Amino acid sequence: MNGSNNKIALFAGLSSFLAVFENFIPIPVPFLRIGISNIPVSLGFVLFNFKELLFIVLFKTIFSHLFRGTLFSYVFLIALSGNLLFIFITFPFYQIFKKRISFISLGLIGAISHNLGQIFASLIFLPAKSALLIGYFIISIGLIFGFANGYICNIVYRKFFTRALYGQVV
């Protein structure tokens, strides 16, 4: 296994661990997650190509739902839709603006795209009015968590990545 594969495995494992760990964080709304499992994915934009990030996201989604016992349920399909839209929108956005964008911006774009994917998928299982009502709520909360996750990514990137990638601390 080469160094790149080791990094992919590390990020996939860390993201999966955080996805499972989120289940133990008490949140007043049952279906809501704070998205900390997307922190390694967001940091991975700097290190990985699209296929590698897609693998990390798919691994995280499948592993966490296997652990929760919801693999191939409607909950899994909604989460998968959100994660796929997240990676398909956020990765190209990062590639276009990588020199001028912060992780906070990526966190906000990622939260919106992830939540929109969930809303679109939930339209299969819920009446449109209900899905849109829930959608307004999760996008509002998602923006708060997306900002927080982006802020954490900025800190982690400055403390660890700049030293590892460029030999300096910012």
N, C-alpha and C. Protein backbone atom coordinates (compact mmCIF):
# COMPACT_ATOMS: atom_id res chain seq x y z
N MET A 1 0.85 -1.18 0.00
CA MET A 1 0.00 0.00 0.00
C MET A 1 0.90 1.24 0.00
N ASN A 2 0.70 2.10 -0.98
CA ASN A 2 1.56 3.28 -1.05
C ASN A 2 1.05 4.40 -0.13
N GLY A 3 1.81 5.49 -0.06
CA GLY A 3 1.48 6.59 0.83
C GLY A 3 0.14 7.22 0.54
N SER A 4 -0.20 7.36 -0.73
CA SER A 4 -1.48 7.97 -1.10
C SER A 4 -2.64 7.09 -0.62
N ASN A 5 -2.51 5.77 -0.80
CA ASN A 5 -3.56 4.87 -0.33
C ASN A 5 -3.67 4.89 1.18
N ASN A 6 -2.54 5.04 1.86
CA ASN A 6 -2.57 5.14 3.33
C ASN A 6 -3.35 6.38 3.77
N LYS A 7 -3.13 7.50 3.07
CA LYS A 7 -3.86 8.73 3.41
C LYS A 7 -5.35 8.57 3.15
N ILE A 8 -5.69 7.94 2.02
CA ILE A 8 -7.10 7.73 1.70
C ILE A 8 -7.75 6.87 2.77
N ALA A 9 -7.07 5.80 3.17
CA ALA A 9 -7.61 4.91 4.21
C ALA A 9 -7.74 5.66 5.54
N LEU A 10 -6.75 6.48 5.87
CA LEU A 10 -6.81 7.25 7.11
C LEU A 10 -8.00 8.20 7.11
N PHE A 11 -8.19 8.93 6.02
CA PHE A 11 -9.29 9.89 5.94
C PHE A 11 -10.65 9.18 5.90
N ALA A 12 -10.73 8.05 5.20
CA ALA A 12 -11.99 7.28 5.16
C ALA A 12 -12.32 6.73 6.54
N GLY A 13 -11.31 6.21 7.22
CA GLY A 13 -11.53 5.68 8.56
C GLY A 13 -11.91 6.76 9.56
N LEU A 14 -11.21 7.89 9.51
CA LEU A 14 -11.50 8.99 10.42
C LEU A 14 -12.91 9.55 10.18
N SER A 15 -13.25 9.72 8.92
CA SER A 15 -14.57 10.23 8.58
C SER A 15 -15.66 9.26 9.03
N SER A 16 -15.42 7.96 8.85
CA SER A 16 -16.39 6.94 9.28
C SER A 16 -16.53 6.93 10.80
N PHE A 17 -15.39 7.01 11.50
CA PHE A 17 -15.43 7.04 12.96
C PHE A 17 -16.24 8.23 13.45
N LEU A 18 -15.99 9.39 12.86
CA LEU A 18 -16.72 10.59 13.27
C LEU A 18 -18.21 10.48 12.95
N ALA A 19 -18.55 9.83 11.83
CA ALA A 19 -19.97 9.64 11.48
C ALA A 19 -20.67 8.77 12.51
N VAL A 20 -19.99 7.72 12.98
CA VAL A 20 -20.56 6.85 14.00
C VAL A 20 -20.60 7.59 15.34
N PHE A 21 -19.53 8.32 15.66
CA PHE A 21 -19.44 9.06 16.92
C PHE A 21 -20.57 10.07 17.04
N GLU A 22 -20.97 10.66 15.92
CA GLU A 22 -22.06 11.66 15.94
C GLU A 22 -23.36 11.10 16.52
N ASN A 23 -23.54 9.80 16.40
CA ASN A 23 -24.76 9.18 16.94
C ASN A 23 -24.87 9.34 18.45
N PHE A 24 -23.74 9.51 19.11
CA PHE A 24 -23.73 9.59 20.57
C PHE A 24 -23.79 11.03 21.09
N ILE A 25 -23.83 11.99 20.18
CA ILE A 25 -23.96 13.39 20.58
C ILE A 25 -25.45 13.71 20.68
N PRO A 26 -25.91 14.09 21.87
CA PRO A 26 -27.35 14.34 22.01
C PRO A 26 -27.78 15.60 21.25
N ILE A 27 -28.74 15.41 20.36
CA ILE A 27 -29.31 16.50 19.56
C ILE A 27 -30.82 16.42 19.75
N PRO A 28 -31.50 17.55 19.97
CA PRO A 28 -32.94 17.50 20.25
C PRO A 28 -33.80 17.01 19.08
N VAL A 29 -33.27 17.08 17.85
CA VAL A 29 -34.03 16.65 16.69
C VAL A 29 -33.45 15.31 16.23
N PRO A 30 -34.27 14.25 16.14
CA PRO A 30 -33.74 12.90 15.91
C PRO A 30 -32.95 12.71 14.62
N PHE A 31 -33.34 13.33 13.53
CA PHE A 31 -32.68 13.06 12.25
C PHE A 31 -31.51 13.99 11.97
N LEU A 32 -31.27 14.93 12.84
CA LEU A 32 -30.25 15.95 12.62
C LEU A 32 -28.86 15.44 13.02
N ARG A 33 -27.87 15.73 12.18
CA ARG A 33 -26.47 15.42 12.49
C ARG A 33 -25.69 16.72 12.34
N ILE A 34 -24.62 16.87 13.13
CA ILE A 34 -23.86 18.12 13.07
C ILE A 34 -22.82 18.10 11.95
N GLY A 35 -22.57 16.96 11.35
CA GLY A 35 -21.71 16.90 10.18
C GLY A 35 -20.22 16.89 10.43
N ILE A 36 -19.79 16.50 11.64
CA ILE A 36 -18.35 16.50 11.90
C ILE A 36 -17.62 15.48 11.05
N SER A 37 -18.34 14.50 10.52
CA SER A 37 -17.69 13.51 9.65
C SER A 37 -17.28 14.12 8.31
N ASN A 38 -17.80 15.30 8.02
CA ASN A 38 -17.40 15.97 6.77
C ASN A 38 -16.14 16.80 6.93
N ILE A 39 -15.63 16.93 8.15
CA ILE A 39 -14.38 17.68 8.35
C ILE A 39 -13.22 17.00 7.63
N PRO A 40 -13.00 15.68 7.81
CA PRO A 40 -11.91 15.05 7.05
C PRO A 40 -12.13 15.11 5.54
N VAL A 41 -13.38 15.03 5.12
CA VAL A 41 -13.68 15.12 3.68
C VAL A 41 -13.30 16.51 3.17
N SER A 42 -13.69 17.55 3.90
CA SER A 42 -13.37 18.92 3.47
C SER A 42 -11.86 19.15 3.45
N LEU A 43 -11.16 18.64 4.45
CA LEU A 43 -9.69 18.77 4.45
C LEU A 43 -9.08 17.97 3.29
N GLY A 44 -9.76 16.92 2.91
CA GLY A 44 -9.29 16.09 1.79
C GLY A 44 -9.31 16.78 0.44
N PHE A 45 -10.06 17.86 0.31
CA PHE A 45 -10.06 18.61 -0.95
C PHE A 45 -8.65 19.04 -1.32
N VAL A 46 -7.83 19.31 -0.32
CA VAL A 46 -6.46 19.77 -0.54
C VAL A 46 -5.56 18.62 -1.01
N LEU A 47 -5.88 17.41 -0.61
CA LEU A 47 -4.98 16.27 -0.82
C LEU A 47 -5.38 15.32 -1.94
N PHE A 48 -6.66 15.19 -2.20
CA PHE A 48 -7.14 14.09 -3.04
C PHE A 48 -7.83 14.58 -4.31
N ASN A 49 -7.89 13.69 -5.29
CA ASN A 49 -8.64 13.98 -6.49
C ASN A 49 -10.10 13.56 -6.27
N PHE A 50 -10.92 13.78 -7.29
CA PHE A 50 -12.36 13.54 -7.15
C PHE A 50 -12.66 12.08 -6.83
N LYS A 51 -12.05 11.14 -7.54
CA LYS A 51 -12.34 9.72 -7.32
C LYS A 51 -11.98 9.29 -5.90
N GLU A 52 -10.87 9.80 -5.40
CA GLU A 52 -10.45 9.44 -4.05
C GLU A 52 -11.42 10.00 -3.00
N LEU A 53 -11.84 11.24 -3.19
CA LEU A 53 -12.82 11.82 -2.27
C LEU A 53 -14.17 11.12 -2.36
N LEU A 54 -14.56 10.75 -3.56
CA LEU A 54 -15.81 10.02 -3.73
C LEU A 54 -15.75 8.69 -2.98
N PHE A 55 -14.60 8.01 -3.05
CA PHE A 55 -14.44 6.77 -2.29
C PHE A 55 -14.60 7.02 -0.79
N ILE A 56 -13.95 8.07 -0.29
CA ILE A 56 -14.02 8.39 1.14
C ILE A 56 -15.47 8.65 1.55
N VAL A 57 -16.19 9.42 0.76
CA VAL A 57 -17.59 9.74 1.08
C VAL A 57 -18.47 8.49 1.03
N LEU A 58 -18.29 7.67 0.01
CA LEU A 58 -19.09 6.44 -0.09
C LEU A 58 -18.77 5.48 1.05
N PHE A 59 -17.49 5.33 1.37
CA PHE A 59 -17.08 4.46 2.47
C PHE A 59 -17.70 4.94 3.78
N LYS A 60 -17.60 6.23 4.03
CA LYS A 60 -18.16 6.81 5.26
C LYS A 60 -19.66 6.56 5.34
N THR A 61 -20.36 6.81 4.26
CA THR A 61 -21.82 6.66 4.25
C THR A 61 -22.23 5.21 4.46
N ILE A 62 -21.60 4.30 3.73
CA ILE A 62 -21.95 2.88 3.86
C ILE A 62 -21.59 2.36 5.25
N PHE A 63 -20.38 2.66 5.72
CA PHE A 63 -19.94 2.16 7.02
C PHE A 63 -20.81 2.68 8.15
N SER A 64 -21.10 3.96 8.15
CA SER A 64 -21.89 4.53 9.25
C SER A 64 -23.31 3.97 9.27
N HIS A 65 -23.89 3.74 8.11
CA HIS A 65 -25.25 3.19 8.08
C HIS A 65 -25.26 1.70 8.36
N LEU A 66 -24.19 1.02 8.02
CA LEU A 66 -24.06 -0.38 8.41
C LEU A 66 -24.00 -0.47 9.93
N PHE A 67 -23.25 0.42 10.56
CA PHE A 67 -23.14 0.46 12.02
C PHE A 67 -24.48 0.80 12.66
N ARG A 68 -25.21 1.74 12.08
CA ARG A 68 -26.51 2.17 12.64
C ARG A 68 -27.62 1.15 12.39
N GLY A 69 -27.38 0.23 11.46
CA GLY A 69 -28.42 -0.73 11.11
C GLY A 69 -29.43 -0.17 10.13
N THR A 70 -29.05 0.86 9.39
CA THR A 70 -29.98 1.49 8.44
C THR A 70 -29.51 1.37 6.99
N LEU A 71 -28.56 0.46 6.75
CA LEU A 71 -28.04 0.30 5.39
C LEU A 71 -29.16 -0.12 4.44
N PHE A 72 -29.30 0.56 3.33
CA PHE A 72 -30.29 0.33 2.29
C PHE A 72 -31.72 0.65 2.73
N SER A 73 -31.87 1.44 3.76
CA SER A 73 -33.19 1.93 4.16
C SER A 73 -33.39 3.30 3.52
N TYR A 74 -34.56 3.87 3.73
CA TYR A 74 -34.80 5.22 3.20
C TYR A 74 -33.86 6.23 3.85
N VAL A 75 -33.48 6.01 5.11
CA VAL A 75 -32.55 6.91 5.79
C VAL A 75 -31.20 6.88 5.08
N PHE A 76 -30.75 5.70 4.70
CA PHE A 76 -29.50 5.56 3.96
C PHE A 76 -29.58 6.26 2.61
N LEU A 77 -30.68 6.08 1.90
CA LEU A 77 -30.82 6.70 0.57
C LEU A 77 -30.83 8.22 0.66
N ILE A 78 -31.46 8.75 1.69
CA ILE A 78 -31.48 10.20 1.88
C ILE A 78 -30.07 10.70 2.20
N ALA A 79 -29.37 10.00 3.09
CA ALA A 79 -27.99 10.39 3.44
C ALA A 79 -27.06 10.26 2.24
N LEU A 80 -27.21 9.18 1.49
CA LEU A 80 -26.38 8.98 0.30
C LEU A 80 -26.60 10.11 -0.71
N SER A 81 -27.85 10.49 -0.91
CA SER A 81 -28.15 11.58 -1.84
C SER A 81 -27.50 12.88 -1.39
N GLY A 82 -27.59 13.17 -0.10
CA GLY A 82 -26.96 14.39 0.43
C GLY A 82 -25.45 14.36 0.27
N ASN A 83 -24.83 13.23 0.58
CA ASN A 83 -23.38 13.12 0.47
C ASN A 83 -22.91 13.21 -0.97
N LEU A 84 -23.65 12.59 -1.89
CA LEU A 84 -23.25 12.65 -3.30
C LEU A 84 -23.38 14.07 -3.86
N LEU A 85 -24.48 14.75 -3.55
CA LEU A 85 -24.62 16.12 -4.03
C LEU A 85 -23.55 17.01 -3.41
N PHE A 86 -23.23 16.77 -2.15
CA PHE A 86 -22.15 17.49 -1.47
C PHE A 86 -20.85 17.38 -2.25
N ILE A 87 -20.44 16.18 -2.61
CA ILE A 87 -19.15 15.99 -3.27
C ILE A 87 -19.20 16.47 -4.73
N PHE A 88 -20.34 16.25 -5.40
CA PHE A 88 -20.44 16.64 -6.80
C PHE A 88 -20.53 18.16 -6.99
N ILE A 89 -20.96 18.89 -5.99
CA ILE A 89 -21.01 20.35 -6.09
C ILE A 89 -19.78 21.00 -5.46
N THR A 90 -19.40 20.54 -4.28
CA THR A 90 -18.34 21.21 -3.54
C THR A 90 -16.96 20.98 -4.15
N PHE A 91 -16.68 19.78 -4.66
CA PHE A 91 -15.36 19.52 -5.23
C PHE A 91 -15.07 20.41 -6.45
N PRO A 92 -15.96 20.48 -7.43
CA PRO A 92 -15.68 21.39 -8.56
C PRO A 92 -15.57 22.85 -8.11
N PHE A 93 -16.38 23.24 -7.15
CA PHE A 93 -16.31 24.61 -6.63
C PHE A 93 -14.93 24.86 -6.04
N TYR A 94 -14.42 23.90 -5.28
CA TYR A 94 -13.08 24.05 -4.71
C TYR A 94 -12.02 24.12 -5.82
N GLN A 95 -12.15 23.28 -6.82
CA GLN A 95 -11.16 23.27 -7.91
C GLN A 95 -11.11 24.61 -8.65
N ILE A 96 -12.25 25.23 -8.81
CA ILE A 96 -12.30 26.51 -9.52
C ILE A 96 -11.73 27.64 -8.67
N PHE A 97 -12.05 27.65 -7.38
CA PHE A 97 -11.70 28.78 -6.52
C PHE A 97 -10.66 28.45 -5.45
N LYS A 98 -9.87 27.40 -5.62
CA LYS A 98 -9.00 26.93 -4.53
C LYS A 98 -8.02 27.97 -4.01
N LYS A 99 -7.60 28.88 -4.82
CA LYS A 99 -6.66 29.91 -4.37
C LYS A 99 -7.34 31.04 -3.60
N ARG A 100 -8.66 31.15 -3.72
CA ARG A 100 -9.37 32.29 -3.13
C ARG A 100 -10.51 31.89 -2.19
N ILE A 101 -10.51 30.67 -1.70
CA ILE A 101 -11.65 30.24 -0.90
C ILE A 101 -11.17 29.68 0.44
N SER A 102 -11.97 29.89 1.47
CA SER A 102 -11.64 29.35 2.79
C SER A 102 -12.48 28.09 3.03
N PHE A 103 -12.11 27.37 4.06
CA PHE A 103 -12.89 26.20 4.43
C PHE A 103 -14.27 26.58 4.95
N ILE A 104 -14.40 27.78 5.47
CA ILE A 104 -15.72 28.23 5.92
C ILE A 104 -16.66 28.33 4.72
N SER A 105 -16.19 28.90 3.63
CA SER A 105 -17.02 28.96 2.41
C SER A 105 -17.35 27.56 1.92
N LEU A 106 -16.37 26.67 1.95
CA LEU A 106 -16.63 25.28 1.53
C LEU A 106 -17.63 24.62 2.47
N GLY A 107 -17.52 24.89 3.77
CA GLY A 107 -18.46 24.33 4.73
C GLY A 107 -19.88 24.79 4.47
N LEU A 108 -20.04 26.06 4.13
CA LEU A 108 -21.38 26.60 3.84
C LEU A 108 -21.93 26.02 2.54
N ILE A 109 -21.10 25.96 1.50
CA ILE A 109 -21.54 25.38 0.23
C ILE A 109 -21.85 23.90 0.40
N GLY A 110 -20.99 23.23 1.15
CA GLY A 110 -21.20 21.81 1.42
C GLY A 110 -22.48 21.55 2.19
N ALA A 111 -22.76 22.39 3.19
CA ALA A 111 -23.98 22.21 3.99
C ALA A 111 -25.22 22.41 3.13
N ILE A 112 -25.21 23.45 2.31
CA ILE A 112 -26.38 23.71 1.46
C ILE A 112 -26.58 22.57 0.46
N SER A 113 -25.50 22.16 -0.21
CA SER A 113 -25.64 21.11 -1.21
C SER A 113 -26.03 19.78 -0.57
N HIS A 114 -25.45 19.47 0.58
CA HIS A 114 -25.79 18.23 1.29
C HIS A 114 -27.26 18.24 1.68
N ASN A 115 -27.72 19.34 2.24
CA ASN A 115 -29.11 19.43 2.66
C ASN A 115 -30.07 19.41 1.48
N LEU A 116 -29.69 20.05 0.37
CA LEU A 116 -30.55 20.01 -0.83
C LEU A 116 -30.66 18.58 -1.35
N GLY A 117 -29.57 17.83 -1.34
CA GLY A 117 -29.62 16.43 -1.75
C GLY A 117 -30.56 15.62 -0.87
N GLN A 118 -30.52 15.90 0.42
CA GLN A 118 -31.42 15.21 1.35
C GLN A 118 -32.88 15.58 1.09
N ILE A 119 -33.12 16.85 0.83
CA ILE A 119 -34.49 17.31 0.57
C ILE A 119 -35.02 16.67 -0.72
N PHE A 120 -34.21 16.69 -1.78
CA PHE A 120 -34.65 16.08 -3.05
C PHE A 120 -34.98 14.60 -2.87
N ALA A 121 -34.12 13.89 -2.14
CA ALA A 121 -34.36 12.46 -1.92
C ALA A 121 -35.59 12.24 -1.04
N SER A 122 -35.80 13.10 -0.06
CA SER A 122 -36.95 12.92 0.83
C SER A 122 -38.27 13.14 0.10
N LEU A 123 -38.23 13.84 -1.04
CA LEU A 123 -39.46 14.02 -1.83
C LEU A 123 -40.01 12.68 -2.33
N ILE A 124 -39.15 11.66 -2.41
CA ILE A 124 -39.60 10.33 -2.81
C ILE A 124 -40.45 9.69 -1.70
N PHE A 125 -40.12 10.00 -0.46
CA PHE A 125 -40.73 9.33 0.68
C PHE A 125 -41.76 10.17 1.43
N LEU A 126 -41.72 11.47 1.26
CA LEU A 126 -42.61 12.37 2.00
C LEU A 126 -43.42 13.23 1.03
N PRO A 127 -44.58 13.71 1.49
CA PRO A 127 -45.29 14.70 0.67
C PRO A 127 -44.42 15.95 0.50
N ALA A 128 -44.54 16.60 -0.63
CA ALA A 128 -43.68 17.75 -0.95
C ALA A 128 -43.74 18.82 0.12
N LYS A 129 -44.93 19.10 0.63
CA LYS A 129 -45.07 20.14 1.65
C LYS A 129 -44.25 19.82 2.90
N SER A 130 -44.31 18.57 3.33
CA SER A 130 -43.56 18.15 4.52
C SER A 130 -42.06 18.21 4.26
N ALA A 131 -41.62 17.71 3.10
CA ALA A 131 -40.19 17.71 2.78
C ALA A 131 -39.65 19.14 2.72
N LEU A 132 -40.41 20.05 2.14
CA LEU A 132 -39.94 21.43 2.05
C LEU A 132 -39.95 22.13 3.40
N LEU A 133 -40.92 21.82 4.24
CA LEU A 133 -40.96 22.38 5.58
C LEU A 133 -39.74 21.92 6.39
N ILE A 134 -39.46 20.64 6.33
CA ILE A 134 -38.27 20.11 7.00
C ILE A 134 -37.01 20.71 6.36
N GLY A 135 -37.06 20.90 5.04
CA GLY A 135 -35.92 21.44 4.31
C GLY A 135 -35.51 22.82 4.78
N TYR A 136 -36.47 23.68 5.02
CA TYR A 136 -36.14 25.02 5.51
C TYR A 136 -35.41 24.93 6.84
N PHE A 137 -35.88 24.04 7.69
CA PHE A 137 -35.27 23.87 9.00
C PHE A 137 -33.84 23.32 8.88
N ILE A 138 -33.65 22.24 8.11
CA ILE A 138 -32.31 21.64 8.06
C ILE A 138 -31.31 22.52 7.33
N ILE A 139 -31.75 23.30 6.36
CA ILE A 139 -30.81 24.21 5.70
C ILE A 139 -30.38 25.31 6.68
N SER A 140 -31.33 25.83 7.45
CA SER A 140 -30.97 26.87 8.43
C SER A 140 -29.97 26.35 9.45
N ILE A 141 -30.25 25.19 10.01
CA ILE A 141 -29.34 24.59 11.00
C ILE A 141 -28.05 24.16 10.31
N GLY A 142 -28.17 23.64 9.10
CA GLY A 142 -27.00 23.19 8.35
C GLY A 142 -26.00 24.30 8.09
N LEU A 143 -26.48 25.51 7.87
CA LEU A 143 -25.57 26.63 7.66
C LEU A 143 -24.76 26.94 8.91
N ILE A 144 -25.38 26.80 10.06
CA ILE A 144 -24.66 27.03 11.32
C ILE A 144 -23.58 25.97 11.49
N PHE A 145 -23.95 24.70 11.30
CA PHE A 145 -22.98 23.61 11.45
C PHE A 145 -21.93 23.66 10.34
N GLY A 146 -22.32 24.05 9.12
CA GLY A 146 -21.36 24.18 8.03
C GLY A 146 -20.31 25.23 8.32
N PHE A 147 -20.76 26.36 8.89
CA PHE A 147 -19.83 27.41 9.29
C PHE A 147 -18.87 26.89 10.36
N ALA A 148 -19.42 26.23 11.38
CA ALA A 148 -18.59 25.71 12.48
C ALA A 148 -17.58 24.67 11.96
N ASN A 149 -18.02 23.78 11.11
CA ASN A 149 -17.11 22.77 10.56
C ASN A 149 -16.03 23.41 9.70
N GLY A 150 -16.40 24.42 8.91
CA GLY A 150 -15.41 25.14 8.11
C GLY A 150 -14.39 25.86 8.98
N TYR A 151 -14.86 26.43 10.07
CA TYR A 151 -13.97 27.11 11.01
C TYR A 151 -12.97 26.11 11.61
N ILE A 152 -13.47 24.94 11.99
CA ILE A 152 -12.58 23.89 12.52
C ILE A 152 -11.58 23.47 11.45
N CYS A 153 -12.02 23.32 10.22
CA CYS A 153 -11.11 22.96 9.12
C CYS A 153 -10.02 24.01 8.94
N ASN A 154 -10.38 25.29 9.02
CA ASN A 154 -9.37 26.35 8.90
C ASN A 154 -8.30 26.21 9.98
N ILE A 155 -8.72 25.93 11.20
CA ILE A 155 -7.77 25.79 12.31
C ILE A 155 -6.87 24.57 12.09
N VAL A 156 -7.48 23.43 11.77
CA VAL A 156 -6.71 22.20 11.56
C VAL A 156 -5.75 22.37 10.39
N TYR A 157 -6.21 22.99 9.33
CA TYR A 157 -5.35 23.20 8.17
C TYR A 157 -4.15 24.07 8.53
N ARG A 158 -4.38 25.17 9.23
CA ARG A 158 -3.28 26.06 9.61
C ARG A 158 -2.30 25.39 10.56
N LYS A 159 -2.81 24.62 11.50
CA LYS A 159 -1.95 24.01 12.52
C LYS A 159 -1.17 22.82 12.00
N PHE A 160 -1.78 22.00 11.14
CA PHE A 160 -1.16 20.74 10.75
C PHE A 160 -0.79 20.64 9.28
N PHE A 161 -1.69 21.07 8.41
CA PHE A 161 -1.47 20.87 6.98
C PHE A 161 -0.38 21.77 6.42
N THR A 162 -0.37 23.02 6.83
CA THR A 162 0.64 23.93 6.26
C THR A 162 2.04 23.47 6.62
N ARG A 163 2.21 22.95 7.82
CA ARG A 163 3.52 22.43 8.21
C ARG A 163 3.87 21.19 7.40
N ALA A 164 2.92 20.27 7.26
CA ALA A 164 3.17 19.02 6.54
C ALA A 164 3.34 19.25 5.04
N LEU A 165 2.56 20.16 4.48
CA LEU A 165 2.59 20.36 3.03
C LEU A 165 3.66 21.36 2.59
N TYR A 166 3.87 22.40 3.40
CA TYR A 166 4.73 23.48 2.96
C TYR A 166 5.91 23.76 3.90
N GLY A 167 5.98 23.03 5.02
CA GLY A 167 7.09 23.21 5.95
C GLY A 167 7.03 24.50 6.74
N GLN A 168 5.84 25.05 6.92
CA GLN A 168 5.70 26.31 7.66
C GLN A 168 4.43 26.30 8.47
N VAL A 169 4.37 27.15 9.45
CA VAL A 169 3.17 27.32 10.26
C VAL A 169 2.65 28.73 10.00
N VAL A 170 1.38 28.82 9.67
CA VAL A 170 0.78 30.12 9.38
C VAL A 170 0.17 30.68 10.63
